[in-house]
């Protein structure tokens, strides 16, 4: 018996051409070696847990750290705004635009019961004449100096916007004092209403006079409300076309409100003379008292200059009205621009013999300043008085009334205008936030909105106090006030 051989066996096979082909057959052990290929060792449980932990950690980092960071860095930040309060201010719900004025009546010559009855009758007549509830006059009796034990009527602790002094006389007449907020009314004894009468000629006369004095102020406030976001039920009735046109010119003429105004007083002369002018003493005497009275509204800075060989933009001895706008030679005259953000008001004295067609040597340039033409600058008093009136107009004061009343009206109108503007801005911001949900709202905007609401509340209280500002009652030199309010250069 022979042992098995590992040598390859030869196999014979016939080819198609009749030849013989030899083939080698693989040994049996080669198949076993292929089947016996080495497998990886089995994983340990610790390794399986480690791999699972790595996968879980990877997805945990993505879900709990990556996604929040991505969301935070790509999201649009919208700070919380007090939208309801902002809309309440814009709609007039948080601050109702009402402007009451206290009118004090001094009736020392009347008995207490007569004075009380006259007060009620006059108040009733005023209410019948007033068709604008947001601006109304409240009458009150001043303490009787001859009978100090008589208690004043309610509200006398507030500073009166106007004081009426009833003076017995031979006829009925009214005289508004030019240097104080005082109205003197003379009457005859027969015009005092009896306790049984519901009306009287004296009460009607007082009511009509008061309505005339405060008509321009009422129209100004009505105009502001009609152009604000106040609800329709609180808006005034439509103004007449003539009044609306006049108020439109008022807004066009007046400068935008600013905390500080810069006043520039310039002397322009076509020759080398005069090379100097007494402007410092003139400002100290005529302009400084007026500027001090405006301290409750704005601050003022002043500078002066002299320009020699200054040629105006137009020529001729008579200036037509259409030439006035080209008189200022802005290309050659060194006029001060706005300094530090404060608007500049320019007042120019031009040395010459020119005059405006139809008479007059001065004119006002809306939202810019005023011009006065003088042949001699030795006496600057006429120019200063004209500049005073022009400044009052540029700041937005009414055109009629005594100077103290005009300044008091300006305080009230400016306070009302700023309050309405702030309320409207808050409403616009709230509506923009609601209309654009994808807009970014930085934290500074939210802080500004909250600060704006707080300042609006302060502004409301300050406006109430400004209505009865005592500093406007005492204005200084009465003679200066009379001339500043009434005198102008023809």
Protein backbone atom coordinates (compact mmCIF):
# COMPACT_ATOMS: atom_id res chain seq x y z
CA UNK A 1 0.00 0.00 0.00
CA UNK A 2 1.57 3.18 -1.07
CA UNK A 3 1.45 6.49 0.87
CA UNK A 4 -0.53 9.38 -0.49
CA UNK A 5 1.46 11.73 -2.59
CA UNK A 6 1.29 15.51 -2.43
CA UNK A 7 2.65 15.96 -5.89
CA UNK A 8 0.27 17.36 -8.44
CA UNK A 9 -1.48 14.89 -10.67
CA UNK A 10 -1.27 15.07 -14.40
CA UNK A 11 -4.53 14.92 -16.24
CA UNK A 12 -4.81 14.07 -19.89
CA UNK A 13 -7.33 15.66 -22.13
CA UNK A 14 -7.81 15.66 -25.80
CA UNK A 15 -7.83 18.79 -27.78
CA UNK A 16 -10.13 19.37 -30.70
CA UNK A 17 -7.27 19.03 -33.11
CA UNK A 18 -6.56 15.49 -31.92
CA UNK A 19 -3.60 16.41 -29.73
CA UNK A 20 -3.18 15.67 -26.10
CA UNK A 21 -3.21 18.47 -23.46
CA UNK A 22 -1.72 17.99 -20.03
CA UNK A 23 -3.38 19.77 -17.04
CA UNK A 24 -2.21 20.05 -13.45
CA UNK A 25 -4.74 19.58 -10.66
CA UNK A 26 -4.42 21.65 -7.39
CA UNK A 27 -3.61 19.78 -4.25
CA UNK A 28 -6.39 19.23 -1.73
CA UNK A 29 -4.62 21.12 1.00
CA UNK A 30 -4.83 24.46 -0.96
CA UNK A 31 -8.60 24.55 -0.62
CA UNK A 32 -8.36 24.10 3.12
CA UNK A 33 -5.89 26.94 3.44
CA UNK A 34 -8.28 29.37 1.64
CA UNK A 35 -11.12 28.31 3.84
CA UNK A 36 -9.03 28.88 6.93
CA UNK A 37 -8.71 32.78 6.37
CA UNK A 38 -8.09 34.67 9.67
CA UNK A 39 -11.17 36.45 11.16
CA UNK A 40 -10.92 39.62 13.37
CA UNK A 41 -11.02 38.95 17.05
CA UNK A 42 -14.42 39.45 18.72
CA UNK A 43 -15.04 42.93 20.21
CA UNK A 44 -15.07 43.31 23.88
CA UNK A 45 -18.21 44.80 25.55
CA UNK A 46 -16.14 47.77 26.73
CA UNK A 47 -15.21 48.65 23.14
CA UNK A 48 -18.83 48.43 22.00
CA UNK A 49 -19.90 50.77 24.77
CA UNK A 50 -17.08 53.19 23.92
CA UNK A 51 -18.12 53.37 20.26
CA UNK A 52 -21.75 53.95 21.21
CA UNK A 53 -20.70 56.67 23.65
CA UNK A 54 -18.66 58.46 20.97
CA UNK A 55 -21.60 58.45 18.54
CA UNK A 56 -24.02 59.69 21.20
CA UNK A 57 -21.58 62.43 22.25
CA UNK A 58 -21.19 63.61 18.66
CA UNK A 59 -24.92 63.98 18.10
CA UNK A 60 -25.44 65.47 21.56
CA UNK A 61 -22.92 68.21 20.80
CA UNK A 62 -24.65 68.96 17.50
CA UNK A 63 -28.16 69.03 18.97
CA UNK A 64 -27.58 70.66 22.35
CA UNK A 65 -24.66 72.97 21.55
CA UNK A 66 -24.35 73.45 17.81
CA UNK A 67 -28.01 74.08 17.05
CA UNK A 68 -28.49 76.68 19.86
CA UNK A 69 -25.33 78.52 18.81
CA UNK A 70 -26.47 78.51 15.18
CA UNK A 71 -29.95 79.67 16.19
CA UNK A 72 -28.55 82.38 18.44
CA UNK A 73 -26.07 83.73 15.92
CA UNK A 74 -28.45 83.70 12.95
CA UNK A 75 -31.68 84.81 14.68
CA UNK A 76 -32.90 88.46 14.36
CA UNK A 77 -32.76 90.11 17.77
CA UNK A 78 -35.96 91.92 18.71
CA UNK A 79 -35.91 93.63 22.07
CA UNK A 80 -39.20 93.93 23.90
CA UNK A 81 -40.88 97.29 23.42
CA UNK A 82 -43.80 98.66 25.47
CA UNK A 83 -45.93 98.77 22.33
CA UNK A 84 -49.26 99.23 24.13
CA UNK A 85 -48.02 102.23 26.07
CA UNK A 86 -46.41 103.70 22.96
CA UNK A 87 -49.66 103.40 21.01
CA UNK A 88 -51.59 104.92 23.93
CA UNK A 89 -49.37 107.99 23.74
CA UNK A 90 -49.73 108.19 19.98
CA UNK A 91 -53.52 107.89 20.17
CA UNK A 92 -53.79 110.50 22.90
CA UNK A 93 -55.00 108.03 25.52
CA UNK A 94 -52.03 108.34 27.87
CA UNK A 95 -51.94 112.14 27.60
CA UNK A 96 -55.11 113.84 26.53
CA UNK A 97 -54.25 117.04 24.65
CA UNK A 98 -56.16 119.52 26.79
CA UNK A 99 -54.91 123.06 27.36
CA UNK A 100 -56.79 124.90 30.10
CA UNK A 101 -55.91 128.48 30.99
CA UNK A 102 -56.69 130.13 34.28
CA UNK A 103 -58.06 133.68 34.03
CA UNK A 104 -58.10 135.61 37.27
CA UNK A 105 -60.72 138.35 37.85
CA UNK A 106 -60.09 141.16 40.31
CA UNK A 107 -63.43 142.68 41.24
CA UNK A 108 -62.64 144.67 44.36
CA UNK A 109 -65.42 147.16 43.64
CA UNK A 110 -68.13 144.47 43.58
CA UNK A 111 -69.83 142.70 46.44
CA UNK A 112 -68.91 139.08 46.91
CA UNK A 113 -72.27 137.76 45.68
CA UNK A 114 -72.14 140.11 42.67
CA UNK A 115 -68.63 138.99 41.79
CA UNK A 116 -69.56 135.31 42.09
CA UNK A 117 -72.63 135.77 39.91
CA UNK A 118 -70.63 137.74 37.30
CA UNK A 119 -68.04 134.96 37.30
CA UNK A 120 -70.65 132.26 36.64
CA UNK A 121 -72.39 134.32 33.97
CA UNK A 122 -69.14 135.10 32.16
CA UNK A 123 -67.99 131.47 32.33
CA UNK A 124 -71.29 130.36 30.83
CA UNK A 125 -70.88 132.91 28.01
CA UNK A 126 -67.32 131.69 27.37
CA UNK A 127 -68.44 128.07 27.18
CA UNK A 128 -71.12 129.00 24.66
CA UNK A 129 -68.55 130.75 22.46
CA UNK A 130 -65.91 128.01 22.65
CA UNK A 131 -66.19 125.23 20.07
CA UNK A 132 -62.77 123.70 20.83
CA UNK A 133 -62.87 121.71 24.05
CA UNK A 134 -59.12 121.03 24.08
CA UNK A 135 -58.41 124.72 24.71
CA UNK A 136 -60.67 126.51 27.16
CA UNK A 137 -60.52 129.35 29.64
CA UNK A 138 -61.33 128.89 33.31
CA UNK A 139 -62.32 131.93 35.30
CA UNK A 140 -61.48 132.38 38.94
CA UNK A 141 -61.84 135.19 41.44
CA UNK A 142 -58.79 136.75 42.97
CA UNK A 143 -58.81 137.36 46.72
CA UNK A 144 -60.44 140.68 47.48
CA UNK A 145 -57.82 142.99 48.95
CA UNK A 146 -60.46 144.95 50.86
CA UNK A 147 -62.01 141.80 52.37
CA UNK A 148 -59.17 139.37 53.02
CA UNK A 149 -61.41 136.93 54.87
CA UNK A 150 -63.17 135.98 51.64
CA UNK A 151 -61.85 132.67 50.35
CA UNK A 152 -60.72 132.60 46.72
CA UNK A 153 -62.40 130.31 44.27
CA UNK A 154 -60.95 126.91 43.50
CA UNK A 155 -57.82 126.97 41.37
CA UNK A 156 -56.40 130.31 42.50
CA UNK A 157 -53.26 128.53 43.66
CA UNK A 158 -52.25 128.21 40.01
CA UNK A 159 -50.59 131.12 38.26
CA UNK A 160 -53.09 132.93 36.06
CA UNK A 161 -52.37 133.32 32.35
CA UNK A 162 -54.20 136.65 32.39
CA UNK A 163 -55.55 138.92 35.10
CA UNK A 164 -58.70 140.97 34.50
CA UNK A 165 -59.14 144.10 36.60
CA UNK A 166 -62.71 145.40 36.71
CA UNK A 167 -62.70 149.16 37.18
CA UNK A 168 -65.87 151.30 37.54
CA UNK A 169 -66.09 154.02 34.90
CA UNK A 170 -68.37 156.03 32.70
CA UNK A 171 -68.31 153.62 29.75
CA UNK A 172 -67.37 150.07 28.86
CA UNK A 173 -63.86 149.65 27.46
CA UNK A 174 -60.96 147.17 27.49
CA UNK A 175 -57.25 147.98 27.71
CA UNK A 176 -54.62 145.23 27.44
CA UNK A 177 -51.44 146.31 29.21
CA UNK A 178 -48.43 146.12 26.87
CA UNK A 179 -45.90 145.16 29.57
CA UNK A 180 -47.84 142.70 31.75
CA UNK A 181 -50.52 140.01 31.28
CA UNK A 182 -53.24 142.30 32.59
CA UNK A 183 -56.52 143.34 31.01
CA UNK A 184 -58.27 146.42 32.43
CA UNK A 185 -62.02 146.55 31.79
CA UNK A 186 -64.04 149.59 32.76
CA UNK A 187 -67.81 149.31 33.25
CA UNK A 188 -70.75 151.33 34.43
CA UNK A 189 -72.70 150.30 37.55
CA UNK A 190 -75.80 149.59 35.46
CA UNK A 191 -73.97 146.87 33.58
CA UNK A 192 -73.38 144.71 36.66
CA UNK A 193 -75.72 141.70 36.36
CA UNK A 194 -78.37 141.23 39.02
CA UNK A 195 -78.57 137.98 40.93
CA UNK A 196 -81.75 137.01 39.06
CA UNK A 197 -80.38 137.58 35.53
CA UNK A 198 -78.83 134.75 33.53
CA UNK A 199 -76.82 137.04 31.25
CA UNK A 200 -75.51 140.58 31.07
CA UNK A 201 -73.79 142.90 28.67
CA UNK A 202 -70.70 143.02 30.93
CA UNK A 203 -70.35 139.24 30.98
CA UNK A 204 -70.79 139.03 27.23
CA UNK A 205 -68.27 141.81 26.69
CA UNK A 206 -65.67 140.11 28.89
CA UNK A 207 -66.21 136.77 27.14
CA UNK A 208 -65.88 138.27 23.66
CA UNK A 209 -62.75 140.18 24.65
CA UNK A 210 -61.10 137.07 26.08
CA UNK A 211 -62.01 135.07 23.00
CA UNK A 212 -60.37 137.72 20.79
CA UNK A 213 -57.19 137.81 22.89
CA UNK A 214 -56.67 134.03 22.85
CA UNK A 215 -58.08 133.34 19.38
CA UNK A 216 -54.65 133.11 17.75
CA UNK A 217 -53.28 130.79 20.42
CA UNK A 218 -56.33 128.56 20.14
CA UNK A 219 -55.94 128.43 16.37
CA UNK A 220 -52.25 127.49 16.71
CA UNK A 221 -52.98 124.60 19.05
CA UNK A 222 -55.88 123.49 16.86
CA UNK A 223 -53.54 123.52 13.87
CA UNK A 224 -50.99 121.39 15.74
CA UNK A 225 -53.63 118.88 16.76
CA UNK A 226 -55.06 118.67 13.25
CA UNK A 227 -51.60 117.73 11.93
CA UNK A 228 -50.86 115.21 14.70
CA UNK A 229 -51.95 111.62 15.29
CA UNK A 230 -54.63 112.62 17.79
CA UNK A 231 -57.88 110.66 17.38
CA UNK A 232 -60.63 112.36 15.33
CA UNK A 233 -62.90 112.88 18.31
CA UNK A 234 -60.22 115.03 19.96
CA UNK A 235 -59.22 116.95 16.87
CA UNK A 236 -60.60 120.46 16.46
CA UNK A 237 -63.14 121.50 13.91
CA UNK A 238 -61.86 122.45 10.49
CA UNK A 239 -60.22 125.86 10.44
CA UNK A 240 -61.38 128.50 8.02
CA UNK A 241 -59.32 128.78 4.80
CA UNK A 242 -57.92 132.17 5.77
CA UNK A 243 -56.86 130.99 9.22
CA UNK A 244 -55.38 127.78 7.81
CA UNK A 245 -53.40 129.78 5.25
CA UNK A 246 -52.12 132.14 7.94
CA UNK A 247 -51.03 129.22 10.13
CA UNK A 248 -49.38 127.55 7.17
CA UNK A 249 -47.28 130.70 6.69
CA UNK A 250 -46.56 130.64 10.43
CA UNK A 251 -45.09 127.13 10.23
CA UNK A 252 -43.15 128.08 7.08
CA UNK A 253 -41.74 131.20 8.71
CA UNK A 254 -40.86 129.69 12.08
CA UNK A 255 -37.59 127.92 12.66
CA UNK A 256 -37.51 124.35 13.84
CA UNK A 257 -37.32 124.09 17.60
CA UNK A 258 -33.87 123.72 19.09
CA UNK A 259 -32.49 123.82 22.59
CA UNK A 260 -29.87 126.31 21.44
CA UNK A 261 -29.86 128.97 18.73
CA UNK A 262 -26.82 130.84 17.47
CA UNK A 263 -27.40 134.52 16.67
CA UNK A 264 -25.05 136.29 14.28
CA UNK A 265 -25.21 140.08 13.98
CA UNK A 266 -23.39 141.34 10.89
CA UNK A 267 -22.59 144.82 9.61
CA UNK A 268 -22.04 145.02 5.84
CA UNK A 269 -20.91 148.23 4.19
CA UNK A 270 -20.09 148.83 0.50
CA UNK A 271 -17.13 151.07 1.38
CA UNK A 272 -14.40 151.17 4.02
CA UNK A 273 -16.63 153.04 6.46
CA UNK A 274 -17.86 152.44 9.05
CA UNK A 275 -15.23 150.00 10.24
CA UNK A 276 -16.78 149.52 13.69
CA UNK A 277 -20.15 149.75 15.42
CA UNK A 278 -21.41 149.88 18.99
CA UNK A 279 -23.02 146.46 18.81
CA UNK A 280 -21.99 145.21 22.25
CA UNK A 281 -23.80 147.98 24.14
CA UNK A 282 -26.81 147.69 21.83
CA UNK A 283 -27.10 143.96 22.44
CA UNK A 284 -26.74 144.44 26.17
CA UNK A 285 -29.47 147.07 26.27
CA UNK A 286 -32.03 145.77 23.79
CA UNK A 287 -31.41 142.12 22.97
CA UNK A 288 -30.21 140.50 26.20
CA UNK A 289 -33.45 141.20 28.17
CA UNK A 290 -35.47 139.52 25.42
CA UNK A 291 -33.15 136.51 25.29
CA UNK A 292 -33.39 136.10 29.04
CA UNK A 293 -37.16 135.93 28.75
CA UNK A 294 -36.72 133.02 26.31
CA UNK A 295 -34.59 131.06 28.78
CA UNK A 296 -37.51 128.76 29.59
CA UNK A 297 -37.61 127.70 25.93
CA UNK A 298 -34.08 127.84 24.48
CA UNK A 299 -30.55 129.07 25.03
CA UNK A 300 -28.73 131.52 22.77
CA UNK A 301 -25.16 132.18 21.74
CA UNK A 302 -24.13 135.40 19.97
CA UNK A 303 -21.31 136.54 17.72
CA UNK A 304 -20.79 139.70 15.64
CA UNK A 305 -18.80 140.67 12.56
CA UNK A 306 -18.05 143.60 10.26
CA UNK A 307 -17.53 143.16 6.50
CA UNK A 308 -16.14 146.01 4.39
CA UNK A 309 -16.63 146.45 0.64
CA UNK A 310 -19.65 144.18 0.71
CA UNK A 311 -21.69 144.25 -2.48
CA UNK A 312 -25.30 143.01 -2.31
CA UNK A 313 -26.67 140.50 -4.76
CA UNK A 314 -28.95 143.10 -6.36
CA UNK A 315 -28.42 146.74 -7.28
CA UNK A 316 -30.58 149.84 -7.38
CA UNK A 317 -31.96 152.34 -4.92
CA UNK A 318 -35.42 150.73 -4.84
CA UNK A 319 -35.67 147.02 -4.16
CA UNK A 320 -38.60 145.15 -5.60
CA UNK A 321 -40.14 142.39 -3.52
CA UNK A 322 -38.89 139.76 -5.92
CA UNK A 323 -35.35 141.15 -5.45
CA UNK A 324 -35.33 140.65 -1.68
CA UNK A 325 -34.47 136.98 -1.91
CA UNK A 326 -31.39 137.81 -3.99
CA UNK A 327 -30.17 140.67 -1.83
CA UNK A 328 -28.02 138.37 0.32
CA UNK A 329 -24.76 137.80 -1.53
CA UNK A 330 -24.08 134.36 -0.09
CA UNK A 331 -21.15 133.78 -2.44
CA UNK A 332 -19.11 136.69 -1.03
CA UNK A 333 -20.59 137.50 2.37
CA UNK A 334 -19.08 135.45 5.21
CA UNK A 335 -22.29 134.38 6.88
CA UNK A 336 -21.98 131.95 9.76
CA UNK A 337 -23.26 128.43 9.15
CA UNK A 338 -24.86 126.36 11.87
CA UNK A 339 -22.35 125.91 14.66
CA UNK A 340 -22.24 122.71 16.68
CA UNK A 341 -25.58 121.53 15.35
CA UNK A 342 -27.41 124.64 16.62
CA UNK A 343 -29.33 126.53 13.92
CA UNK A 344 -28.02 130.00 13.11
CA UNK A 345 -30.23 133.08 12.94
CA UNK A 346 -28.63 135.84 10.86
CA UNK A 347 -29.35 139.51 11.45
CA UNK A 348 -27.78 141.89 8.94
CA UNK A 349 -27.42 145.66 9.04
CA UNK A 350 -26.52 146.98 5.58
CA UNK A 351 -25.23 150.53 5.28
CA UNK A 352 -26.95 152.22 2.35
CA UNK A 353 -29.78 154.41 1.10
CA UNK A 354 -31.84 151.68 -0.54
CA UNK A 355 -35.42 150.99 0.40
CA UNK A 356 -38.02 148.37 -0.38
CA UNK A 357 -40.62 149.17 -3.00
CA UNK A 358 -43.65 150.66 -1.27
CA UNK A 359 -41.64 151.92 1.69
CA UNK A 360 -39.76 150.20 4.46
CA UNK A 361 -36.13 149.33 5.00
CA UNK A 362 -36.34 145.96 6.71
CA UNK A 363 -37.69 142.51 5.90
CA UNK A 364 -37.83 139.04 7.37
CA UNK A 365 -36.40 135.96 5.67
CA UNK A 366 -38.32 132.83 6.81
CA UNK A 367 -36.25 130.33 8.81
CA UNK A 368 -33.11 132.36 8.21
CA UNK A 369 -33.11 135.82 9.81
CA UNK A 370 -33.70 139.47 9.02
CA UNK A 371 -32.22 142.45 7.19
CA UNK A 372 -32.23 146.14 8.09
CA UNK A 373 -30.93 148.91 5.82
CA UNK A 374 -29.61 152.04 7.56
CA UNK A 375 -27.63 154.94 6.24
CA UNK A 376 -26.10 155.59 9.66
CA UNK A 377 -25.15 153.07 12.33
CA UNK A 378 -24.49 155.54 15.10
CA UNK A 379 -27.90 154.72 16.57
CA UNK A 380 -28.56 150.96 16.56
CA UNK A 381 -31.71 151.16 18.63
CA UNK A 382 -34.13 151.01 15.64
CA UNK A 383 -32.30 148.02 14.18
CA UNK A 384 -32.27 146.18 17.53
CA UNK A 385 -35.99 146.73 18.02
CA UNK A 386 -36.66 145.40 14.53
CA UNK A 387 -34.43 142.39 15.13
CA UNK A 388 -36.29 141.73 18.39
CA UNK A 389 -39.61 141.53 16.58
CA UNK A 390 -38.09 139.40 13.84
CA UNK A 391 -36.61 136.99 16.37
CA UNK A 392 -39.95 136.59 18.11
CA UNK A 393 -41.58 135.80 14.77
CA UNK A 394 -38.85 133.36 13.75
CA UNK A 395 -39.23 131.47 17.03
CA UNK A 396 -42.94 131.01 16.34
CA UNK A 397 -44.64 133.52 18.63
CA UNK A 398 -48.07 134.87 17.62
CA UNK A 399 -48.24 138.20 15.86
CA UNK A 400 -50.91 139.85 18.00
CA UNK A 401 -51.15 140.64 21.70
CA UNK A 402 -48.84 142.20 24.22
CA UNK A 403 -45.28 140.95 24.44
CA UNK A 404 -45.72 138.98 27.71
CA UNK A 405 -48.79 137.21 26.33
CA UNK A 406 -47.00 136.43 23.07
CA UNK A 407 -44.09 134.87 24.96
CA UNK A 408 -46.42 132.89 27.23
CA UNK A 409 -48.30 131.64 24.19
CA UNK A 410 -45.02 130.62 22.59
CA UNK A 411 -44.12 128.53 25.64
CA UNK A 412 -47.46 126.75 25.56
CA UNK A 413 -47.44 126.18 21.81
CA UNK A 414 -43.84 124.90 21.82
CA UNK A 415 -44.58 122.59 24.76
CA UNK A 416 -47.68 121.25 23.05
CA UNK A 417 -45.86 120.81 19.74
CA UNK A 418 -42.95 118.91 21.29
CA UNK A 419 -45.30 116.68 23.28
CA UNK A 420 -47.38 115.86 20.21
CA UNK A 421 -44.27 115.24 18.11
CA UNK A 422 -42.79 112.90 20.72
CA UNK A 423 -46.09 111.02 20.97
CA UNK A 424 -46.31 110.69 17.20
CA UNK A 425 -42.73 109.39 17.00
CA UNK A 426 -43.46 106.73 19.62
CA UNK A 427 -46.53 105.67 17.65
CA UNK A 428 -44.56 105.49 14.40
CA UNK A 429 -41.93 103.29 16.04
CA UNK A 430 -44.61 100.98 17.43
CA UNK A 431 -46.40 100.68 14.07
CA UNK A 432 -43.11 100.01 12.27
CA UNK A 433 -42.28 97.25 14.74
CA UNK A 434 -45.64 95.58 14.20
CA UNK A 435 -45.59 95.97 10.42
CA UNK A 436 -42.08 94.48 9.96
CA UNK A 437 -41.77 91.38 12.15
CA UNK A 438 -38.37 90.52 10.63
CA UNK A 439 -36.76 93.84 11.45
CA UNK A 440 -34.04 93.87 14.08
CA UNK A 441 -34.72 95.82 17.28
CA UNK A 442 -31.48 96.46 19.22
CA UNK A 443 -31.54 96.76 22.96
CA UNK A 444 -30.66 100.44 22.64
CA UNK A 445 -33.96 101.03 20.80
CA UNK A 446 -35.91 99.39 23.60
CA UNK A 447 -34.09 101.45 26.20
CA UNK A 448 -34.69 104.58 24.12
CA UNK A 449 -38.39 103.79 23.83
CA UNK A 450 -38.75 103.32 27.57
CA UNK A 451 -36.75 106.47 28.21
CA UNK A 452 -38.94 108.29 25.71
CA UNK A 453 -42.07 107.26 27.58
CA UNK A 454 -40.62 108.45 30.84
CA UNK A 455 -39.52 111.74 29.29
CA UNK A 456 -42.97 112.12 27.74
CA UNK A 457 -44.51 111.90 31.19
CA UNK A 458 -42.02 114.48 32.44
CA UNK A 459 -42.76 116.63 29.39
CA UNK A 460 -46.47 116.47 30.15
CA UNK A 461 -45.89 117.73 33.68
CA UNK A 462 -43.41 120.34 32.50
CA UNK A 463 -45.86 121.55 29.87
CA UNK A 464 -48.51 122.01 32.53
CA UNK A 465 -46.09 124.06 34.62
CA UNK A 466 -44.97 126.03 31.59
CA UNK A 467 -48.54 127.16 31.01
CA UNK A 468 -48.27 129.26 34.15
CA UNK A 469 -44.62 130.23 34.14
CA UNK A 470 -44.15 133.17 36.51
CA UNK A 471 -40.97 134.40 34.87
CA UNK A 472 -43.01 135.70 31.96
CA UNK A 473 -45.02 137.99 34.21
CA UNK A 474 -42.05 140.14 35.20
CA UNK A 475 -40.24 141.14 32.05
CA UNK A 476 -37.96 143.92 33.18
CA UNK A 477 -38.11 147.40 31.70
CA UNK A 478 -41.72 148.19 30.68
CA UNK A 479 -40.63 150.90 28.25
CA UNK A 480 -38.38 148.47 26.44
CA UNK A 481 -41.22 145.96 26.18
CA UNK A 482 -43.60 148.51 24.76
CA UNK A 483 -41.17 149.51 22.06
CA UNK A 484 -40.05 145.95 21.34
CA UNK A 485 -43.61 144.81 20.86
CA UNK A 486 -44.97 147.77 18.93
CA UNK A 487 -42.21 149.77 17.26
CA UNK A 488 -40.71 148.82 13.93
CA UNK A 489 -38.86 150.59 11.18
CA UNK A 490 -40.94 151.86 8.32
